[in-house]
């Protein structure tokens, strides 16, 4: 399971291990904190794949924050915030689908 470096904590990594799931969380740069996900993790093929996929997901959330106005909600209440998030997600998916079909047509 790919995750951000904030998830490289004992409870999270051991909980996934009990479920039989390998945690792919990058280590902290300053080495003052323990690397719970393991030193061998970056050398595995699955780790590299999950980090590439993670970048794709982060790009989606980055788009939602900047273009989709999701950095700070303009609504109150769970229903309205959820509606705005779903609307933004749908808009992003439509834009991605248009770009994919353009790429496919060009090939």
N, C-alpha and C. Protein backbone atom coordinates (compact mmCIF):
# COMPACT_ATOMS: atom_id res chain seq x y z
N UNK A 1 0.84 -1.17 0.00
CA UNK A 1 0.00 0.00 0.00
C UNK A 1 0.89 1.23 0.00
N UNK A 2 0.72 2.09 -0.96
CA UNK A 2 1.48 3.33 -1.04
C UNK A 2 0.90 4.37 -0.12
N UNK A 3 1.76 5.11 0.55
CA UNK A 3 1.32 6.14 1.49
C UNK A 3 2.36 7.24 1.56
N UNK A 4 1.99 8.36 2.13
CA UNK A 4 2.92 9.46 2.33
C UNK A 4 3.83 9.19 3.52
N UNK A 5 4.85 10.01 3.66
CA UNK A 5 5.82 9.76 4.72
C UNK A 5 5.23 9.93 6.12
N UNK A 6 4.13 10.65 6.23
CA UNK A 6 3.49 10.81 7.54
C UNK A 6 2.91 9.49 8.05
N UNK A 7 2.71 8.53 7.16
CA UNK A 7 2.17 7.22 7.56
C UNK A 7 3.27 6.22 7.92
N UNK A 8 4.50 6.64 7.94
CA UNK A 8 5.61 5.76 8.31
C UNK A 8 5.71 5.72 9.83
N UNK A 9 4.68 5.23 10.47
CA UNK A 9 4.58 5.15 11.93
C UNK A 9 4.33 3.70 12.33
N UNK A 10 4.70 3.39 13.55
CA UNK A 10 4.66 2.00 14.03
C UNK A 10 3.26 1.41 13.95
N UNK A 11 2.24 2.10 14.46
CA UNK A 11 0.88 1.55 14.48
C UNK A 11 0.37 1.24 13.07
N UNK A 12 0.59 2.16 12.15
CA UNK A 12 0.09 2.00 10.79
C UNK A 12 0.79 0.84 10.08
N UNK A 13 2.12 0.82 10.13
CA UNK A 13 2.89 -0.20 9.42
C UNK A 13 2.64 -1.59 10.01
N UNK A 14 2.61 -1.70 11.33
CA UNK A 14 2.35 -3.00 11.94
C UNK A 14 0.92 -3.46 11.72
N UNK A 15 -0.03 -2.53 11.71
CA UNK A 15 -1.42 -2.89 11.43
C UNK A 15 -1.59 -3.45 10.02
N UNK A 16 -0.91 -2.83 9.06
CA UNK A 16 -0.95 -3.37 7.69
C UNK A 16 -0.26 -4.72 7.62
N UNK A 17 0.84 -4.88 8.35
CA UNK A 17 1.56 -6.15 8.36
C UNK A 17 0.69 -7.29 8.89
N UNK A 18 -0.13 -6.99 9.88
CA UNK A 18 -1.04 -8.01 10.42
C UNK A 18 -2.10 -8.41 9.40
N UNK A 19 -2.42 -7.51 8.50
CA UNK A 19 -3.38 -7.81 7.43
C UNK A 19 -2.72 -8.44 6.21
N UNK A 20 -1.39 -8.57 6.26
CA UNK A 20 -0.66 -9.15 5.15
C UNK A 20 -0.39 -8.17 4.02
N UNK A 21 -0.35 -6.88 4.35
CA UNK A 21 -0.14 -5.83 3.35
C UNK A 21 1.21 -5.18 3.60
N UNK A 22 2.00 -5.01 2.55
CA UNK A 22 3.31 -4.35 2.64
C UNK A 22 3.10 -2.85 2.57
N UNK A 23 3.61 -2.11 3.54
CA UNK A 23 3.50 -0.65 3.55
C UNK A 23 4.60 -0.04 2.70
N UNK A 24 4.23 0.84 1.80
CA UNK A 24 5.20 1.55 0.96
C UNK A 24 5.16 3.02 1.33
N UNK A 25 5.79 3.35 2.44
CA UNK A 25 5.84 4.73 2.91
C UNK A 25 7.29 5.19 2.91
N UNK A 26 7.59 6.33 2.29
CA UNK A 26 8.98 6.81 2.26
C UNK A 26 9.47 7.18 3.65
N UNK A 27 10.77 7.06 3.86
CA UNK A 27 11.37 7.39 5.15
C UNK A 27 11.52 8.90 5.28
N UNK A 28 11.62 9.35 6.52
CA UNK A 28 11.90 10.76 6.76
C UNK A 28 13.32 11.07 6.36
N UNK A 29 13.57 12.29 5.88
CA UNK A 29 14.90 12.66 5.42
C UNK A 29 15.90 12.84 6.55
N UNK A 30 15.44 13.34 7.71
CA UNK A 30 16.39 13.72 8.75
C UNK A 30 16.88 12.55 9.60
N UNK A 31 16.42 11.37 9.38
CA UNK A 31 16.88 10.14 10.05
C UNK A 31 16.81 10.20 11.58
N UNK A 32 16.17 11.21 12.14
CA UNK A 32 15.99 11.25 13.59
C UNK A 32 14.84 10.35 14.02
N UNK A 33 13.99 10.00 13.05
CA UNK A 33 12.86 9.13 13.34
C UNK A 33 13.12 7.76 12.73
N UNK A 34 12.57 6.75 13.35
CA UNK A 34 12.79 5.38 12.89
C UNK A 34 11.99 5.12 11.61
N UNK A 35 12.58 4.34 10.71
CA UNK A 35 11.93 3.94 9.47
C UNK A 35 11.17 2.64 9.73
N UNK A 36 9.87 2.75 9.96
CA UNK A 36 9.06 1.58 10.30
C UNK A 36 8.74 0.74 9.07
N UNK A 37 8.71 1.33 7.90
CA UNK A 37 8.36 0.58 6.69
C UNK A 37 9.49 -0.34 6.24
N UNK A 38 10.71 -0.06 6.66
CA UNK A 38 11.82 -0.96 6.33
C UNK A 38 12.80 -0.35 5.36
N UNK A 39 14.06 -0.67 5.57
CA UNK A 39 15.14 -0.15 4.73
C UNK A 39 15.12 -0.77 3.33
N UNK A 40 14.65 -2.01 3.21
CA UNK A 40 14.67 -2.70 1.92
C UNK A 40 13.54 -2.26 1.02
N UNK A 41 12.58 -1.54 1.55
CA UNK A 41 11.41 -1.13 0.78
C UNK A 41 11.75 -0.43 -0.53
N UNK A 42 12.62 0.60 -0.53
CA UNK A 42 12.88 1.32 -1.78
C UNK A 42 13.52 0.46 -2.87
N UNK A 43 14.07 -0.67 -2.52
CA UNK A 43 14.73 -1.52 -3.51
C UNK A 43 13.76 -2.47 -4.20
N UNK A 44 12.54 -2.54 -3.73
CA UNK A 44 11.56 -3.45 -4.31
C UNK A 44 10.83 -2.80 -5.49
N UNK A 45 10.46 -3.63 -6.44
CA UNK A 45 9.78 -3.13 -7.64
C UNK A 45 8.40 -2.56 -7.29
N UNK A 46 7.70 -3.21 -6.38
CA UNK A 46 6.36 -2.75 -5.98
C UNK A 46 6.39 -1.36 -5.36
N UNK A 47 7.46 -1.04 -4.64
CA UNK A 47 7.61 0.27 -4.02
C UNK A 47 7.70 1.35 -5.09
N UNK A 48 8.50 1.12 -6.11
CA UNK A 48 8.65 2.10 -7.18
C UNK A 48 7.33 2.32 -7.91
N UNK A 49 6.59 1.24 -8.15
CA UNK A 49 5.29 1.36 -8.82
C UNK A 49 4.31 2.16 -7.97
N UNK A 50 4.25 1.85 -6.67
CA UNK A 50 3.30 2.56 -5.81
C UNK A 50 3.65 4.03 -5.68
N UNK A 51 4.93 4.38 -5.70
CA UNK A 51 5.32 5.79 -5.62
C UNK A 51 4.95 6.54 -6.90
N UNK A 52 5.04 5.88 -8.06
CA UNK A 52 4.60 6.52 -9.31
C UNK A 52 3.10 6.74 -9.31
N UNK A 53 2.35 5.75 -8.84
CA UNK A 53 0.90 5.88 -8.77
C UNK A 53 0.50 6.96 -7.77
N UNK A 54 1.26 7.05 -6.67
CA UNK A 54 1.00 8.06 -5.66
C UNK A 54 1.13 9.46 -6.26
N UNK A 55 2.11 9.64 -7.12
CA UNK A 55 2.30 10.94 -7.77
C UNK A 55 1.10 11.30 -8.63
N UNK A 56 0.53 10.33 -9.32
CA UNK A 56 -0.67 10.58 -10.13
C UNK A 56 -1.84 11.04 -9.26
N UNK A 57 -1.99 10.40 -8.12
CA UNK A 57 -3.08 10.75 -7.21
C UNK A 57 -2.86 12.13 -6.62
N UNK A 58 -1.60 12.43 -6.26
CA UNK A 58 -1.28 13.75 -5.70
C UNK A 58 -1.56 14.85 -6.73
N UNK A 59 -1.32 14.58 -8.01
CA UNK A 59 -1.61 15.56 -9.04
C UNK A 59 -3.11 15.85 -9.09
N UNK A 60 -3.93 14.82 -8.91
CA UNK A 60 -5.38 15.02 -8.91
C UNK A 60 -5.80 15.93 -7.75
N UNK A 61 -5.28 15.67 -6.57
CA UNK A 61 -5.64 16.49 -5.41
C UNK A 61 -5.07 17.91 -5.56
N UNK A 62 -3.91 18.05 -6.17
CA UNK A 62 -3.36 19.37 -6.42
C UNK A 62 -4.26 20.17 -7.35
N UNK A 63 -4.78 19.52 -8.40
CA UNK A 63 -5.70 20.17 -9.31
C UNK A 63 -6.96 20.59 -8.58
N UNK A 64 -7.46 19.70 -7.71
CA UNK A 64 -8.68 20.01 -6.97
C UNK A 64 -8.48 21.22 -6.05
N UNK A 65 -7.30 21.32 -5.47
CA UNK A 65 -7.05 22.45 -4.58
C UNK A 65 -6.93 23.77 -5.33
N UNK A 66 -6.25 23.75 -6.47
CA UNK A 66 -6.02 25.01 -7.19
C UNK A 66 -7.17 25.37 -8.10
N UNK A 67 -7.47 24.54 -9.07
CA UNK A 67 -8.50 24.85 -10.06
C UNK A 67 -9.90 24.58 -9.51
N UNK A 68 -10.06 23.50 -8.76
CA UNK A 68 -11.37 23.10 -8.27
C UNK A 68 -11.82 23.79 -7.00
N UNK A 69 -11.05 24.75 -6.52
CA UNK A 69 -11.40 25.55 -5.33
C UNK A 69 -11.67 24.69 -4.09
N UNK A 70 -10.86 23.66 -3.90
CA UNK A 70 -11.05 22.79 -2.75
C UNK A 70 -10.04 23.05 -1.62
N UNK A 71 -9.18 24.06 -1.78
CA UNK A 71 -8.21 24.35 -0.72
C UNK A 71 -8.92 24.75 0.57
N UNK A 72 -9.92 25.59 0.42
CA UNK A 72 -10.71 26.03 1.57
C UNK A 72 -12.18 25.95 1.16
N UNK A 73 -12.95 25.20 1.89
CA UNK A 73 -14.34 25.01 1.49
C UNK A 73 -15.13 26.30 1.63
N UNK A 74 -16.08 26.49 0.74
CA UNK A 74 -16.93 27.67 0.78
C UNK A 74 -18.31 27.35 1.34
N UNK A 75 -18.47 26.12 1.83
CA UNK A 75 -19.77 25.68 2.31
C UNK A 75 -19.68 25.21 3.76
N UNK A 76 -20.83 25.16 4.39
CA UNK A 76 -20.93 24.59 5.73
C UNK A 76 -21.85 23.39 5.65
N UNK A 77 -21.53 22.42 6.46
CA UNK A 77 -22.35 21.22 6.49
C UNK A 77 -21.76 20.12 5.62
N UNK A 78 -21.84 18.91 6.13
CA UNK A 78 -21.25 17.76 5.46
C UNK A 78 -21.86 17.51 4.08
N UNK A 79 -23.18 17.67 3.96
CA UNK A 79 -23.83 17.41 2.67
C UNK A 79 -23.35 18.35 1.58
N UNK A 80 -23.23 19.63 1.89
CA UNK A 80 -22.80 20.60 0.88
C UNK A 80 -21.32 20.44 0.54
N UNK A 81 -20.49 20.20 1.56
CA UNK A 81 -19.07 20.01 1.29
C UNK A 81 -18.86 18.75 0.46
N UNK A 82 -19.58 17.68 0.80
CA UNK A 82 -19.50 16.44 0.04
C UNK A 82 -19.97 16.65 -1.40
N UNK A 83 -21.04 17.41 -1.59
CA UNK A 83 -21.54 17.71 -2.93
C UNK A 83 -20.49 18.45 -3.74
N UNK A 84 -19.85 19.45 -3.14
CA UNK A 84 -18.84 20.22 -3.86
C UNK A 84 -17.64 19.36 -4.23
N UNK A 85 -17.23 18.48 -3.32
CA UNK A 85 -16.11 17.59 -3.60
C UNK A 85 -16.45 16.64 -4.75
N UNK A 86 -17.64 16.08 -4.73
CA UNK A 86 -18.06 15.17 -5.80
C UNK A 86 -18.18 15.91 -7.13
N UNK A 87 -18.68 17.12 -7.13
CA UNK A 87 -18.76 17.91 -8.34
C UNK A 87 -17.37 18.19 -8.90
N UNK A 88 -16.45 18.56 -8.04
CA UNK A 88 -15.08 18.83 -8.46
C UNK A 88 -14.42 17.56 -9.01
N UNK A 89 -14.64 16.43 -8.34
CA UNK A 89 -14.08 15.15 -8.80
C UNK A 89 -14.64 14.77 -10.17
N UNK A 90 -15.95 14.97 -10.36
CA UNK A 90 -16.56 14.66 -11.64
C UNK A 90 -16.01 15.55 -12.75
N UNK A 91 -15.83 16.83 -12.44
CA UNK A 91 -15.27 17.75 -13.44
C UNK A 91 -13.86 17.34 -13.83
N UNK A 92 -13.08 16.97 -12.84
CA UNK A 92 -11.72 16.54 -13.13
C UNK A 92 -11.70 15.27 -13.97
N UNK A 93 -12.57 14.34 -13.66
CA UNK A 93 -12.64 13.10 -14.44
C UNK A 93 -13.05 13.37 -15.89
N UNK A 94 -13.98 14.30 -16.09
CA UNK A 94 -14.38 14.66 -17.46
C UNK A 94 -13.21 15.26 -18.24
N UNK A 95 -12.46 16.13 -17.58
CA UNK A 95 -11.29 16.73 -18.23
C UNK A 95 -10.26 15.67 -18.56
N UNK A 96 -10.01 14.76 -17.64
CA UNK A 96 -9.04 13.69 -17.88
C UNK A 96 -9.50 12.78 -19.02
N UNK A 97 -10.80 12.47 -19.06
CA UNK A 97 -11.30 11.61 -20.14
C UNK A 97 -11.15 12.28 -21.49
N UNK A 98 -11.39 13.59 -21.57
CA UNK A 98 -11.21 14.32 -22.83
C UNK A 98 -9.75 14.26 -23.27
N UNK A 99 -8.84 14.46 -22.34
CA UNK A 99 -7.43 14.42 -22.69
C UNK A 99 -6.99 13.02 -23.11
N UNK A 100 -7.53 12.00 -22.47
CA UNK A 100 -7.18 10.63 -22.85
C UNK A 100 -7.68 10.30 -24.25
N UNK A 101 -8.87 10.75 -24.58
CA UNK A 101 -9.39 10.46 -25.92
C UNK A 101 -8.61 11.24 -26.97
N UNK A 102 -8.15 12.46 -26.63
CA UNK A 102 -7.31 13.23 -27.56
C UNK A 102 -5.98 12.51 -27.79
N UNK A 103 -5.40 11.98 -26.73
CA UNK A 103 -4.14 11.26 -26.87
C UNK A 103 -4.32 9.99 -27.69
N UNK A 104 -5.43 9.30 -27.46
CA UNK A 104 -5.69 8.07 -28.19
C UNK A 104 -5.92 8.35 -29.67
N UNK A 105 -6.59 9.45 -29.97
CA UNK A 105 -6.84 9.80 -31.36
C UNK A 105 -5.57 10.21 -32.08
N UNK A 106 -4.63 10.81 -31.33
CA UNK A 106 -3.36 11.24 -31.93
C UNK A 106 -2.47 10.05 -32.27
N UNK A 107 -2.63 8.95 -31.56
CA UNK A 107 -1.80 7.76 -31.79
C UNK A 107 -2.36 7.01 -32.91
